[in-house]
Amino acid sequence: MKEIYDGKWSWKRRAILIHYEDYVIAASMHGMPHGGGALANSFPGHFCIHFKDSTTHRSKSLDLSHQVMVHKAGGLLTPYIKQLEPKQIVELFFVALNQQDLDLLTHIYHDQTGDGVKLLEQVESIRLAKQKNTPTVDGPLVYELPLSFLVKEKNKREVGSFYTFRVKRESPTSEWKLESLPLNLIQ
């Protein structure tokens, strides 16, 4: 299993297909052994496979990054993203950076300057700071969400950052897109 993760255990999600009898089922997995139940097989614990609407065993909530990979495996990524709420689009930005997934980033941001590639090349990980965030604008066409988060650039230490994400759509029936990216993350 380490082969699909460049020889290292990883929490990064992967879109997978489960073959069972005559069925092919879209799913998502990560490559990090965790928890109990280790067998004598050089795999210290278990790893998780998620299906559509699966919840995590710890928080009992849907994991957006797993749901994205399930839909990607099933060939339904674009329609899935088109129906997401603006707050989920912002969350998907964090997923795209942590997964190093340019395809995912281009689904939520029209990158005409290569900014997305720059972020993916330089950001190793990014995570929200533990605090409640309230949108400053929550309308039918524009949504703004100020967030504090921690970002780790490659070969640097993790630092705190702040950015107000602005998500827009052309009409009440069109999909939400990020208006810009927090380029202040990379110096």
N, C-alpha and C. Protein backbone atom coordinates (compact mmCIF):
# COMPACT_ATOMS: atom_id res chain seq x y z
N MET A 1 0.81 -1.19 0.00
CA MET A 1 0.00 0.00 0.00
C MET A 1 0.86 1.26 0.00
N LYS A 2 2.03 1.18 0.59
CA LYS A 2 2.90 2.35 0.62
C LYS A 2 3.28 2.82 -0.78
N GLU A 3 3.26 1.92 -1.75
CA GLU A 3 3.66 2.27 -3.11
C GLU A 3 2.80 3.40 -3.69
N ILE A 4 1.50 3.39 -3.41
CA ILE A 4 0.65 4.44 -3.97
C ILE A 4 0.79 5.76 -3.21
N TYR A 5 1.56 5.75 -2.13
CA TYR A 5 1.82 6.95 -1.34
C TYR A 5 3.31 7.29 -1.34
N ASP A 6 3.99 6.99 -2.42
CA ASP A 6 5.42 7.30 -2.57
C ASP A 6 6.28 6.74 -1.45
N GLY A 7 5.92 5.56 -0.96
CA GLY A 7 6.74 4.87 0.03
C GLY A 7 6.57 5.34 1.47
N LYS A 8 5.58 6.23 1.74
CA LYS A 8 5.38 6.75 3.09
C LYS A 8 3.91 6.60 3.47
N TRP A 9 3.65 6.35 4.74
CA TRP A 9 2.28 6.35 5.22
C TRP A 9 1.73 7.76 5.09
N SER A 10 0.45 7.90 4.75
CA SER A 10 -0.10 9.23 4.51
C SER A 10 -1.59 9.29 4.83
N TRP A 11 -2.02 10.45 5.32
CA TRP A 11 -3.45 10.71 5.55
C TRP A 11 -4.13 11.19 4.28
N LYS A 12 -3.39 11.41 3.20
CA LYS A 12 -4.00 11.90 1.97
C LYS A 12 -5.01 10.89 1.45
N ARG A 13 -6.13 11.41 1.02
CA ARG A 13 -7.20 10.56 0.50
C ARG A 13 -6.92 10.19 -0.95
N ARG A 14 -7.39 9.02 -1.34
CA ARG A 14 -7.28 8.56 -2.71
C ARG A 14 -8.63 8.03 -3.17
N ALA A 15 -8.99 8.35 -4.39
CA ALA A 15 -10.20 7.80 -5.00
C ALA A 15 -9.89 6.36 -5.41
N ILE A 16 -10.74 5.43 -5.00
CA ILE A 16 -10.52 4.02 -5.32
C ILE A 16 -11.83 3.38 -5.77
N LEU A 17 -11.70 2.24 -6.41
CA LEU A 17 -12.86 1.44 -6.80
C LEU A 17 -12.77 0.09 -6.09
N ILE A 18 -13.86 -0.31 -5.47
CA ILE A 18 -13.94 -1.60 -4.79
C ILE A 18 -14.68 -2.56 -5.72
N HIS A 19 -14.06 -3.67 -6.03
CA HIS A 19 -14.69 -4.69 -6.87
C HIS A 19 -15.22 -5.79 -5.96
N TYR A 20 -16.53 -6.00 -6.02
CA TYR A 20 -17.17 -7.04 -5.22
C TYR A 20 -18.18 -7.76 -6.10
N GLU A 21 -17.92 -9.02 -6.33
CA GLU A 21 -18.74 -9.84 -7.23
C GLU A 21 -18.92 -9.09 -8.55
N ASP A 22 -20.15 -8.78 -8.95
CA ASP A 22 -20.38 -8.08 -10.21
C ASP A 22 -20.48 -6.56 -10.04
N TYR A 23 -20.15 -6.06 -8.86
CA TYR A 23 -20.29 -4.64 -8.57
C TYR A 23 -18.93 -3.94 -8.55
N VAL A 24 -18.95 -2.68 -8.95
CA VAL A 24 -17.81 -1.79 -8.79
C VAL A 24 -18.32 -0.60 -8.00
N ILE A 25 -17.74 -0.37 -6.81
CA ILE A 25 -18.25 0.63 -5.89
C ILE A 25 -17.21 1.72 -5.70
N ALA A 26 -17.63 2.97 -5.90
CA ALA A 26 -16.74 4.11 -5.69
C ALA A 26 -16.48 4.29 -4.20
N ALA A 27 -15.22 4.57 -3.87
CA ALA A 27 -14.85 4.73 -2.46
C ALA A 27 -13.64 5.65 -2.34
N SER A 28 -13.24 5.87 -1.10
CA SER A 28 -12.07 6.69 -0.79
C SER A 28 -11.30 6.00 0.32
N MET A 29 -9.98 6.14 0.27
CA MET A 29 -9.15 5.57 1.33
C MET A 29 -8.05 6.55 1.68
N HIS A 30 -7.44 6.34 2.82
CA HIS A 30 -6.19 7.01 3.15
C HIS A 30 -5.16 5.93 3.44
N GLY A 31 -3.92 6.30 3.49
CA GLY A 31 -2.86 5.31 3.66
C GLY A 31 -2.12 5.45 4.97
N MET A 32 -2.85 5.66 6.06
CA MET A 32 -2.20 5.82 7.36
C MET A 32 -2.72 4.76 8.33
N PRO A 33 -1.84 3.85 8.74
CA PRO A 33 -2.27 2.89 9.76
C PRO A 33 -2.53 3.63 11.07
N HIS A 34 -3.62 3.28 11.72
CA HIS A 34 -3.95 3.91 12.99
C HIS A 34 -4.84 2.98 13.79
N GLY A 35 -5.00 3.28 15.06
CA GLY A 35 -5.89 2.52 15.92
C GLY A 35 -5.37 1.13 16.25
N GLY A 36 -6.21 0.37 16.88
CA GLY A 36 -5.85 -0.98 17.29
C GLY A 36 -6.12 -1.99 16.21
N GLY A 37 -5.95 -3.22 16.57
CA GLY A 37 -6.27 -4.31 15.65
C GLY A 37 -5.14 -4.69 14.73
N ALA A 38 -3.90 -4.41 15.14
CA ALA A 38 -2.76 -4.76 14.29
C ALA A 38 -2.62 -6.27 14.17
N LEU A 39 -2.43 -6.73 12.97
CA LEU A 39 -2.17 -8.14 12.70
C LEU A 39 -0.67 -8.34 12.51
N ALA A 40 -0.24 -9.55 12.46
CA ALA A 40 1.18 -9.84 12.23
C ALA A 40 1.47 -9.76 10.73
N ASN A 41 1.28 -8.57 10.16
CA ASN A 41 1.47 -8.42 8.71
C ASN A 41 2.23 -7.14 8.35
N SER A 42 2.96 -6.57 9.28
CA SER A 42 3.75 -5.35 9.08
C SER A 42 2.90 -4.11 8.82
N PHE A 43 1.62 -4.17 9.13
CA PHE A 43 0.75 -3.00 9.02
C PHE A 43 0.23 -2.69 10.42
N PRO A 44 0.76 -1.65 11.05
CA PRO A 44 0.47 -1.38 12.46
C PRO A 44 -0.88 -0.71 12.71
N GLY A 45 -1.96 -1.44 12.59
CA GLY A 45 -3.29 -0.90 12.83
C GLY A 45 -4.23 -1.22 11.68
N HIS A 46 -5.11 -0.27 11.39
CA HIS A 46 -6.03 -0.42 10.26
C HIS A 46 -6.03 0.87 9.46
N PHE A 47 -6.64 0.86 8.28
CA PHE A 47 -6.85 2.09 7.53
C PHE A 47 -8.33 2.14 7.17
N CYS A 48 -8.80 3.31 6.81
CA CYS A 48 -10.23 3.49 6.58
C CYS A 48 -10.57 3.56 5.10
N ILE A 49 -11.70 2.99 4.77
CA ILE A 49 -12.30 3.13 3.45
C ILE A 49 -13.67 3.77 3.67
N HIS A 50 -13.94 4.83 2.92
CA HIS A 50 -15.21 5.54 3.03
C HIS A 50 -16.00 5.38 1.74
N PHE A 51 -17.30 5.33 1.90
CA PHE A 51 -18.23 5.28 0.77
C PHE A 51 -19.09 6.53 0.81
N LYS A 52 -19.97 6.69 -0.15
CA LYS A 52 -20.86 7.85 -0.17
C LYS A 52 -21.63 7.92 1.16
N ASP A 53 -21.57 9.08 1.77
CA ASP A 53 -22.25 9.38 3.03
C ASP A 53 -21.70 8.62 4.24
N SER A 54 -20.51 8.02 4.13
CA SER A 54 -19.88 7.41 5.30
C SER A 54 -19.48 8.50 6.29
N THR A 55 -19.49 8.16 7.56
CA THR A 55 -19.03 9.09 8.59
C THR A 55 -17.74 8.55 9.20
N THR A 56 -16.99 9.44 9.81
CA THR A 56 -15.75 9.01 10.46
C THR A 56 -16.09 8.25 11.73
N HIS A 57 -15.22 7.33 12.12
CA HIS A 57 -15.53 6.54 13.31
C HIS A 57 -15.30 7.33 14.59
N ARG A 58 -14.55 8.41 14.52
CA ARG A 58 -14.28 9.19 15.72
C ARG A 58 -15.30 10.31 15.93
N SER A 59 -15.50 11.15 14.91
CA SER A 59 -16.40 12.30 15.08
C SER A 59 -17.83 12.01 14.63
N LYS A 60 -18.04 10.90 13.96
CA LYS A 60 -19.36 10.52 13.45
C LYS A 60 -19.92 11.55 12.47
N SER A 61 -19.03 12.26 11.77
CA SER A 61 -19.47 13.26 10.80
C SER A 61 -18.90 12.93 9.42
N LEU A 62 -19.53 13.50 8.39
CA LEU A 62 -19.01 13.32 7.03
C LEU A 62 -17.66 14.01 6.92
N ASP A 63 -16.76 13.41 6.20
CA ASP A 63 -15.45 13.99 5.94
C ASP A 63 -15.47 14.45 4.48
N LEU A 64 -15.43 15.77 4.27
CA LEU A 64 -15.55 16.31 2.91
C LEU A 64 -14.47 15.76 1.99
N SER A 65 -13.25 15.62 2.48
CA SER A 65 -12.19 15.13 1.60
C SER A 65 -12.45 13.70 1.14
N HIS A 66 -12.99 12.86 2.02
CA HIS A 66 -13.36 11.50 1.59
C HIS A 66 -14.53 11.54 0.61
N GLN A 67 -15.52 12.39 0.87
CA GLN A 67 -16.68 12.46 -0.02
C GLN A 67 -16.27 12.93 -1.41
N VAL A 68 -15.34 13.87 -1.47
CA VAL A 68 -14.83 14.34 -2.77
C VAL A 68 -14.18 13.18 -3.52
N MET A 69 -13.37 12.39 -2.83
CA MET A 69 -12.69 11.27 -3.49
C MET A 69 -13.67 10.17 -3.91
N VAL A 70 -14.71 9.94 -3.13
CA VAL A 70 -15.73 8.97 -3.52
C VAL A 70 -16.38 9.41 -4.83
N HIS A 71 -16.74 10.68 -4.91
CA HIS A 71 -17.37 11.18 -6.13
C HIS A 71 -16.39 11.21 -7.31
N LYS A 72 -15.13 11.47 -7.02
CA LYS A 72 -14.11 11.43 -8.07
C LYS A 72 -13.99 10.00 -8.62
N ALA A 73 -13.96 9.03 -7.72
CA ALA A 73 -13.86 7.62 -8.14
C ALA A 73 -15.06 7.22 -8.99
N GLY A 74 -16.22 7.76 -8.67
CA GLY A 74 -17.44 7.43 -9.40
C GLY A 74 -17.65 8.26 -10.65
N GLY A 75 -16.69 9.15 -10.97
CA GLY A 75 -16.84 9.99 -12.16
C GLY A 75 -17.85 11.10 -11.99
N LEU A 76 -18.15 11.47 -10.74
CA LEU A 76 -19.19 12.46 -10.46
C LEU A 76 -18.65 13.67 -9.70
N LEU A 77 -17.36 13.95 -9.84
CA LEU A 77 -16.76 15.04 -9.08
C LEU A 77 -17.36 16.40 -9.44
N THR A 78 -17.47 16.70 -10.72
CA THR A 78 -17.98 18.01 -11.14
C THR A 78 -19.40 18.27 -10.65
N PRO A 79 -20.36 17.36 -10.87
CA PRO A 79 -21.71 17.65 -10.34
C PRO A 79 -21.74 17.72 -8.81
N TYR A 80 -20.89 16.95 -8.15
CA TYR A 80 -20.84 17.01 -6.68
C TYR A 80 -20.39 18.40 -6.22
N ILE A 81 -19.31 18.90 -6.81
CA ILE A 81 -18.79 20.21 -6.41
C ILE A 81 -19.78 21.32 -6.75
N LYS A 82 -20.46 21.20 -7.88
CA LYS A 82 -21.42 22.25 -8.28
C LYS A 82 -22.55 22.43 -7.29
N GLN A 83 -22.88 21.42 -6.51
CA GLN A 83 -23.99 21.54 -5.56
C GLN A 83 -23.55 21.94 -4.15
N LEU A 84 -22.25 22.13 -3.94
CA LEU A 84 -21.75 22.48 -2.60
C LEU A 84 -22.12 23.91 -2.22
N GLU A 85 -22.29 24.12 -0.93
CA GLU A 85 -22.55 25.45 -0.37
C GLU A 85 -21.24 26.24 -0.32
N PRO A 86 -21.31 27.57 -0.22
CA PRO A 86 -20.07 28.37 -0.25
C PRO A 86 -19.08 28.03 0.87
N LYS A 87 -19.57 27.73 2.05
CA LYS A 87 -18.66 27.37 3.15
C LYS A 87 -17.89 26.09 2.80
N GLN A 88 -18.55 25.16 2.12
CA GLN A 88 -17.89 23.92 1.70
C GLN A 88 -16.86 24.18 0.61
N ILE A 89 -17.09 25.19 -0.23
CA ILE A 89 -16.10 25.55 -1.25
C ILE A 89 -14.82 26.04 -0.57
N VAL A 90 -14.97 26.83 0.49
CA VAL A 90 -13.80 27.29 1.24
C VAL A 90 -13.10 26.08 1.87
N GLU A 91 -13.86 25.17 2.45
CA GLU A 91 -13.27 23.96 3.03
C GLU A 91 -12.55 23.14 1.97
N LEU A 92 -13.10 23.12 0.77
CA LEU A 92 -12.50 22.38 -0.33
C LEU A 92 -11.15 22.97 -0.74
N PHE A 93 -10.97 24.27 -0.56
CA PHE A 93 -9.67 24.89 -0.80
C PHE A 93 -8.61 24.24 0.09
N PHE A 94 -8.94 24.06 1.37
CA PHE A 94 -8.01 23.43 2.30
C PHE A 94 -7.75 21.97 1.91
N VAL A 95 -8.79 21.28 1.48
CA VAL A 95 -8.64 19.89 1.02
C VAL A 95 -7.71 19.84 -0.18
N ALA A 96 -7.92 20.72 -1.16
CA ALA A 96 -7.09 20.71 -2.38
C ALA A 96 -5.62 20.94 -2.05
N LEU A 97 -5.34 21.89 -1.16
CA LEU A 97 -3.94 22.14 -0.80
C LEU A 97 -3.34 20.95 -0.06
N ASN A 98 -4.07 20.40 0.89
CA ASN A 98 -3.53 19.27 1.65
C ASN A 98 -3.38 18.01 0.80
N GLN A 99 -4.23 17.86 -0.19
CA GLN A 99 -4.14 16.70 -1.08
C GLN A 99 -3.17 16.95 -2.24
N GLN A 100 -2.69 18.20 -2.35
CA GLN A 100 -1.84 18.58 -3.48
C GLN A 100 -2.56 18.27 -4.80
N ASP A 101 -3.82 18.69 -4.89
CA ASP A 101 -4.70 18.31 -5.99
C ASP A 101 -5.08 19.53 -6.84
N LEU A 102 -4.33 19.75 -7.91
CA LEU A 102 -4.59 20.89 -8.80
C LEU A 102 -5.94 20.76 -9.48
N ASP A 103 -6.32 19.56 -9.87
CA ASP A 103 -7.63 19.35 -10.51
C ASP A 103 -8.75 19.81 -9.59
N LEU A 104 -8.67 19.47 -8.34
CA LEU A 104 -9.68 19.87 -7.37
C LEU A 104 -9.69 21.39 -7.20
N LEU A 105 -8.52 21.99 -7.14
CA LEU A 105 -8.43 23.44 -7.00
C LEU A 105 -9.03 24.16 -8.20
N THR A 106 -8.82 23.63 -9.40
CA THR A 106 -9.36 24.29 -10.59
C THR A 106 -10.89 24.14 -10.69
N HIS A 107 -11.46 23.21 -9.96
CA HIS A 107 -12.92 23.10 -9.91
C HIS A 107 -13.55 24.25 -9.12
N ILE A 108 -12.79 24.84 -8.21
CA ILE A 108 -13.37 25.87 -7.34
C ILE A 108 -12.77 27.26 -7.57
N TYR A 109 -11.75 27.35 -8.46
CA TYR A 109 -11.10 28.63 -8.71
C TYR A 109 -10.61 28.67 -10.15
N HIS A 110 -10.98 29.72 -10.89
CA HIS A 110 -10.51 29.89 -12.27
C HIS A 110 -9.13 30.53 -12.22
N ASP A 111 -8.11 29.71 -12.32
CA ASP A 111 -6.73 30.16 -12.17
C ASP A 111 -6.16 30.56 -13.53
N GLN A 112 -6.09 31.86 -13.78
CA GLN A 112 -5.58 32.34 -15.06
C GLN A 112 -4.13 32.82 -14.94
N THR A 113 -3.59 32.84 -13.72
CA THR A 113 -2.25 33.37 -13.53
C THR A 113 -1.26 32.36 -12.97
N GLY A 114 -1.71 31.14 -12.71
CA GLY A 114 -0.83 30.12 -12.15
C GLY A 114 -0.67 30.20 -10.65
N ASP A 115 -1.52 30.99 -9.98
CA ASP A 115 -1.42 31.13 -8.53
C ASP A 115 -1.67 29.81 -7.80
N GLY A 116 -2.60 29.03 -8.30
CA GLY A 116 -2.90 27.74 -7.67
C GLY A 116 -1.71 26.81 -7.70
N VAL A 117 -1.02 26.78 -8.82
CA VAL A 117 0.17 25.93 -8.95
C VAL A 117 1.24 26.39 -7.96
N LYS A 118 1.42 27.71 -7.84
CA LYS A 118 2.41 28.25 -6.89
C LYS A 118 2.10 27.81 -5.47
N LEU A 119 0.82 27.90 -5.09
CA LEU A 119 0.44 27.48 -3.74
C LEU A 119 0.71 25.99 -3.53
N LEU A 120 0.30 25.17 -4.50
CA LEU A 120 0.50 23.73 -4.36
C LEU A 120 1.98 23.36 -4.29
N GLU A 121 2.81 24.09 -5.01
CA GLU A 121 4.25 23.81 -4.99
C GLU A 121 4.89 24.16 -3.66
N GLN A 122 4.36 25.17 -2.97
CA GLN A 122 5.03 25.66 -1.78
C GLN A 122 4.39 25.26 -0.46
N VAL A 123 3.09 24.99 -0.46
CA VAL A 123 2.40 24.67 0.80
C VAL A 123 2.44 23.16 1.04
N GLU A 124 2.95 22.78 2.19
CA GLU A 124 3.00 21.37 2.58
C GLU A 124 1.71 20.95 3.27
N SER A 125 1.21 21.81 4.16
CA SER A 125 -0.05 21.51 4.85
C SER A 125 -0.69 22.80 5.32
N ILE A 126 -2.00 22.73 5.53
CA ILE A 126 -2.76 23.88 5.98
C ILE A 126 -3.94 23.36 6.80
N ARG A 127 -4.23 24.05 7.91
CA ARG A 127 -5.35 23.61 8.74
C ARG A 127 -5.96 24.81 9.44
N LEU A 128 -7.25 24.70 9.69
CA LEU A 128 -7.97 25.77 10.37
C LEU A 128 -7.53 25.86 11.82
N ALA A 129 -7.47 27.08 12.33
CA ALA A 129 -7.27 27.29 13.76
C ALA A 129 -8.60 26.95 14.43
N LYS A 130 -8.54 26.47 15.64
CA LYS A 130 -9.77 26.07 16.33
C LYS A 130 -10.50 27.30 16.87
N GLN A 131 -11.46 27.76 16.10
CA GLN A 131 -12.30 28.88 16.51
C GLN A 131 -13.54 28.90 15.65
N LYS A 132 -14.57 29.56 16.14
CA LYS A 132 -15.79 29.70 15.35
C LYS A 132 -15.62 30.85 14.38
N ASN A 133 -16.09 30.65 13.17
CA ASN A 133 -16.00 31.69 12.17
C ASN A 133 -17.39 31.98 11.63
N THR A 134 -17.72 33.26 11.58
CA THR A 134 -19.02 33.69 11.10
C THR A 134 -18.82 34.46 9.80
N PRO A 135 -19.63 34.16 8.79
CA PRO A 135 -19.48 34.91 7.53
C PRO A 135 -19.76 36.40 7.75
N THR A 136 -18.99 37.24 7.07
CA THR A 136 -19.24 38.69 7.14
C THR A 136 -20.23 39.11 6.06
N VAL A 137 -20.33 38.33 5.00
CA VAL A 137 -21.34 38.54 3.96
C VAL A 137 -21.91 37.16 3.65
N ASP A 138 -23.24 37.07 3.67
CA ASP A 138 -23.89 35.79 3.41
C ASP A 138 -25.11 36.05 2.54
N GLY A 139 -24.87 36.32 1.26
CA GLY A 139 -25.96 36.64 0.36
C GLY A 139 -26.15 35.57 -0.69
N PRO A 140 -27.12 35.77 -1.59
CA PRO A 140 -27.40 34.76 -2.61
C PRO A 140 -26.31 34.65 -3.69
N LEU A 141 -25.47 35.71 -3.84
CA LEU A 141 -24.44 35.69 -4.88
C LEU A 141 -23.02 35.87 -4.35
N VAL A 142 -22.88 36.33 -3.13
CA VAL A 142 -21.56 36.59 -2.54
C VAL A 142 -21.55 36.07 -1.11
N TYR A 143 -20.42 35.46 -0.75
CA TYR A 143 -20.23 34.92 0.59
C TYR A 143 -18.80 35.22 1.00
N GLU A 144 -18.62 35.82 2.17
CA GLU A 144 -17.27 36.10 2.67
C GLU A 144 -17.10 35.45 4.03
N LEU A 145 -15.97 34.78 4.20
CA LEU A 145 -15.70 34.09 5.45
C LEU A 145 -14.27 34.37 5.90
N PRO A 146 -14.10 35.15 6.97
CA PRO A 146 -12.75 35.38 7.50
C PRO A 146 -12.30 34.17 8.31
N LEU A 147 -11.08 33.71 8.04
CA LEU A 147 -10.58 32.52 8.72
C LEU A 147 -9.14 32.71 9.20
N SER A 148 -8.88 32.18 10.37
CA SER A 148 -7.51 32.05 10.86
C SER A 148 -7.11 30.60 10.66
N PHE A 149 -5.88 30.39 10.22
CA PHE A 149 -5.44 29.03 9.97
C PHE A 149 -3.93 28.94 10.14
N LEU A 150 -3.45 27.72 10.17
CA LEU A 150 -2.02 27.46 10.29
C LEU A 150 -1.55 26.85 8.98
N VAL A 151 -0.44 27.37 8.48
CA VAL A 151 0.08 26.89 7.20
C VAL A 151 1.56 26.55 7.35
N LYS A 152 1.95 25.45 6.72
CA LYS A 152 3.35 25.04 6.73
C LYS A 152 3.83 24.97 5.29
N GLU A 153 4.77 25.87 4.98
CA GLU A 153 5.41 25.80 3.67
C GLU A 153 6.46 24.71 3.72
N LYS A 154 6.81 24.18 2.56
CA LYS A 154 7.83 23.14 2.49
C LYS A 154 9.15 23.67 3.04
N ASN A 155 9.77 22.88 3.91
CA ASN A 155 11.05 23.20 4.54
C ASN A 155 11.00 24.43 5.44
N LYS A 156 9.82 24.76 5.96
CA LYS A 156 9.68 25.87 6.90
C LYS A 156 8.80 25.41 8.06
N ARG A 157 8.73 26.22 9.09
CA ARG A 157 7.89 25.87 10.23
C ARG A 157 6.46 26.36 9.99
N GLU A 158 5.54 25.80 10.74
CA GLU A 158 4.14 26.18 10.64
C GLU A 158 3.94 27.58 11.24
N VAL A 159 3.17 28.42 10.55
CA VAL A 159 2.89 29.77 11.03
C VAL A 159 1.40 30.07 10.90
N GLY A 160 0.94 30.99 11.73
CA GLY A 160 -0.44 31.42 11.67
C GLY A 160 -0.68 32.40 10.54
N SER A 161 -1.88 32.37 9.99
CA SER A 161 -2.22 33.29 8.91
C SER A 161 -3.71 33.61 9.00
N PHE A 162 -4.12 34.64 8.29
CA PHE A 162 -5.51 35.07 8.27
C PHE A 162 -5.87 35.50 6.85
N TYR A 163 -7.09 35.18 6.44
CA TYR A 163 -7.54 35.57 5.11
C TYR A 163 -9.06 35.59 5.10
N THR A 164 -9.63 36.54 4.39
CA THR A 164 -11.08 36.55 4.19
C THR A 164 -11.36 35.95 2.82
N PHE A 165 -11.92 34.76 2.82
CA PHE A 165 -12.27 34.08 1.58
C PHE A 165 -13.55 34.69 1.03
N ARG A 166 -13.53 34.98 -0.26
CA ARG A 166 -14.71 35.53 -0.94
C ARG A 166 -15.12 34.53 -2.01
N VAL A 167 -16.35 34.07 -1.90
CA VAL A 167 -16.89 33.08 -2.82
C VAL A 167 -18.07 33.74 -3.53
N LYS A 168 -18.11 33.58 -4.87
CA LYS A 168 -19.16 34.23 -5.66
C LYS A 168 -19.78 33.24 -6.63
N ARG A 169 -20.96 33.62 -7.10
CA ARG A 169 -21.58 32.91 -8.22
C ARG A 169 -22.33 33.91 -9.07
N GLU A 170 -22.55 33.54 -10.32
CA GLU A 170 -23.16 34.46 -11.29
C GLU A 170 -24.66 34.62 -11.10
N SER A 171 -25.32 33.55 -10.67
CA SER A 171 -26.77 33.59 -10.47
C SER A 171 -27.11 32.65 -9.32
N PRO A 172 -28.33 32.74 -8.80
CA PRO A 172 -28.70 31.86 -7.68
C PRO A 172 -28.69 30.37 -8.02
N THR A 173 -28.62 30.03 -9.30
CA THR A 173 -28.59 28.61 -9.68
C THR A 173 -27.22 28.14 -10.16
N SER A 174 -26.25 29.04 -10.24
CA SER A 174 -24.92 28.62 -10.71
C SER A 174 -24.05 28.20 -9.52
N GLU A 175 -22.92 27.56 -9.84
CA GLU A 175 -22.06 27.06 -8.77
C GLU A 175 -21.21 28.17 -8.17
N TRP A 176 -20.77 27.95 -6.94
CA TRP A 176 -19.92 28.89 -6.22
C TRP A 176 -18.46 28.68 -6.63
N LYS A 177 -17.70 29.79 -6.72
CA LYS A 177 -16.27 29.74 -7.03
C LYS A 177 -15.53 30.71 -6.11
N LEU A 178 -14.31 30.35 -5.75
CA LEU A 178 -13.46 31.29 -5.02
C LEU A 178 -13.10 32.44 -5.95
N GLU A 179 -13.18 33.66 -5.42
CA GLU A 179 -12.83 34.82 -6.24
C GLU A 179 -11.32 35.02 -6.32
N SER A 180 -10.61 34.69 -5.24
CA SER A 180 -9.16 34.84 -5.22
C SER A 180 -8.57 33.81 -4.26
N LEU A 181 -7.26 33.70 -4.29
CA LEU A 181 -6.55 32.77 -3.41
C LEU A 181 -5.69 33.56 -2.43
N PRO A 182 -5.47 33.02 -1.24
CA PRO A 182 -4.63 33.72 -0.25
C PRO A 182 -3.15 33.60 -0.56
N LEU A 183 -2.68 34.43 -1.46
CA LEU A 183 -1.28 34.37 -1.87
C LEU A 183 -0.34 34.86 -0.77
N ASN A 184 -0.90 35.46 0.28
CA ASN A 184 -0.07 35.87 1.41
C ASN A 184 0.51 34.65 2.14
N LEU A 185 0.04 33.45 1.79
CA LEU A 185 0.56 32.23 2.41
C LEU A 185 2.00 31.98 2.02
N ILE A 186 2.35 32.37 0.81
CA ILE A 186 3.70 32.10 0.31
C ILE A 186 4.46 33.41 0.20
N GLN A 187 5.61 33.44 0.78
CA GLN A 187 6.42 34.67 0.80
C GLN A 187 7.62 34.52 -0.11
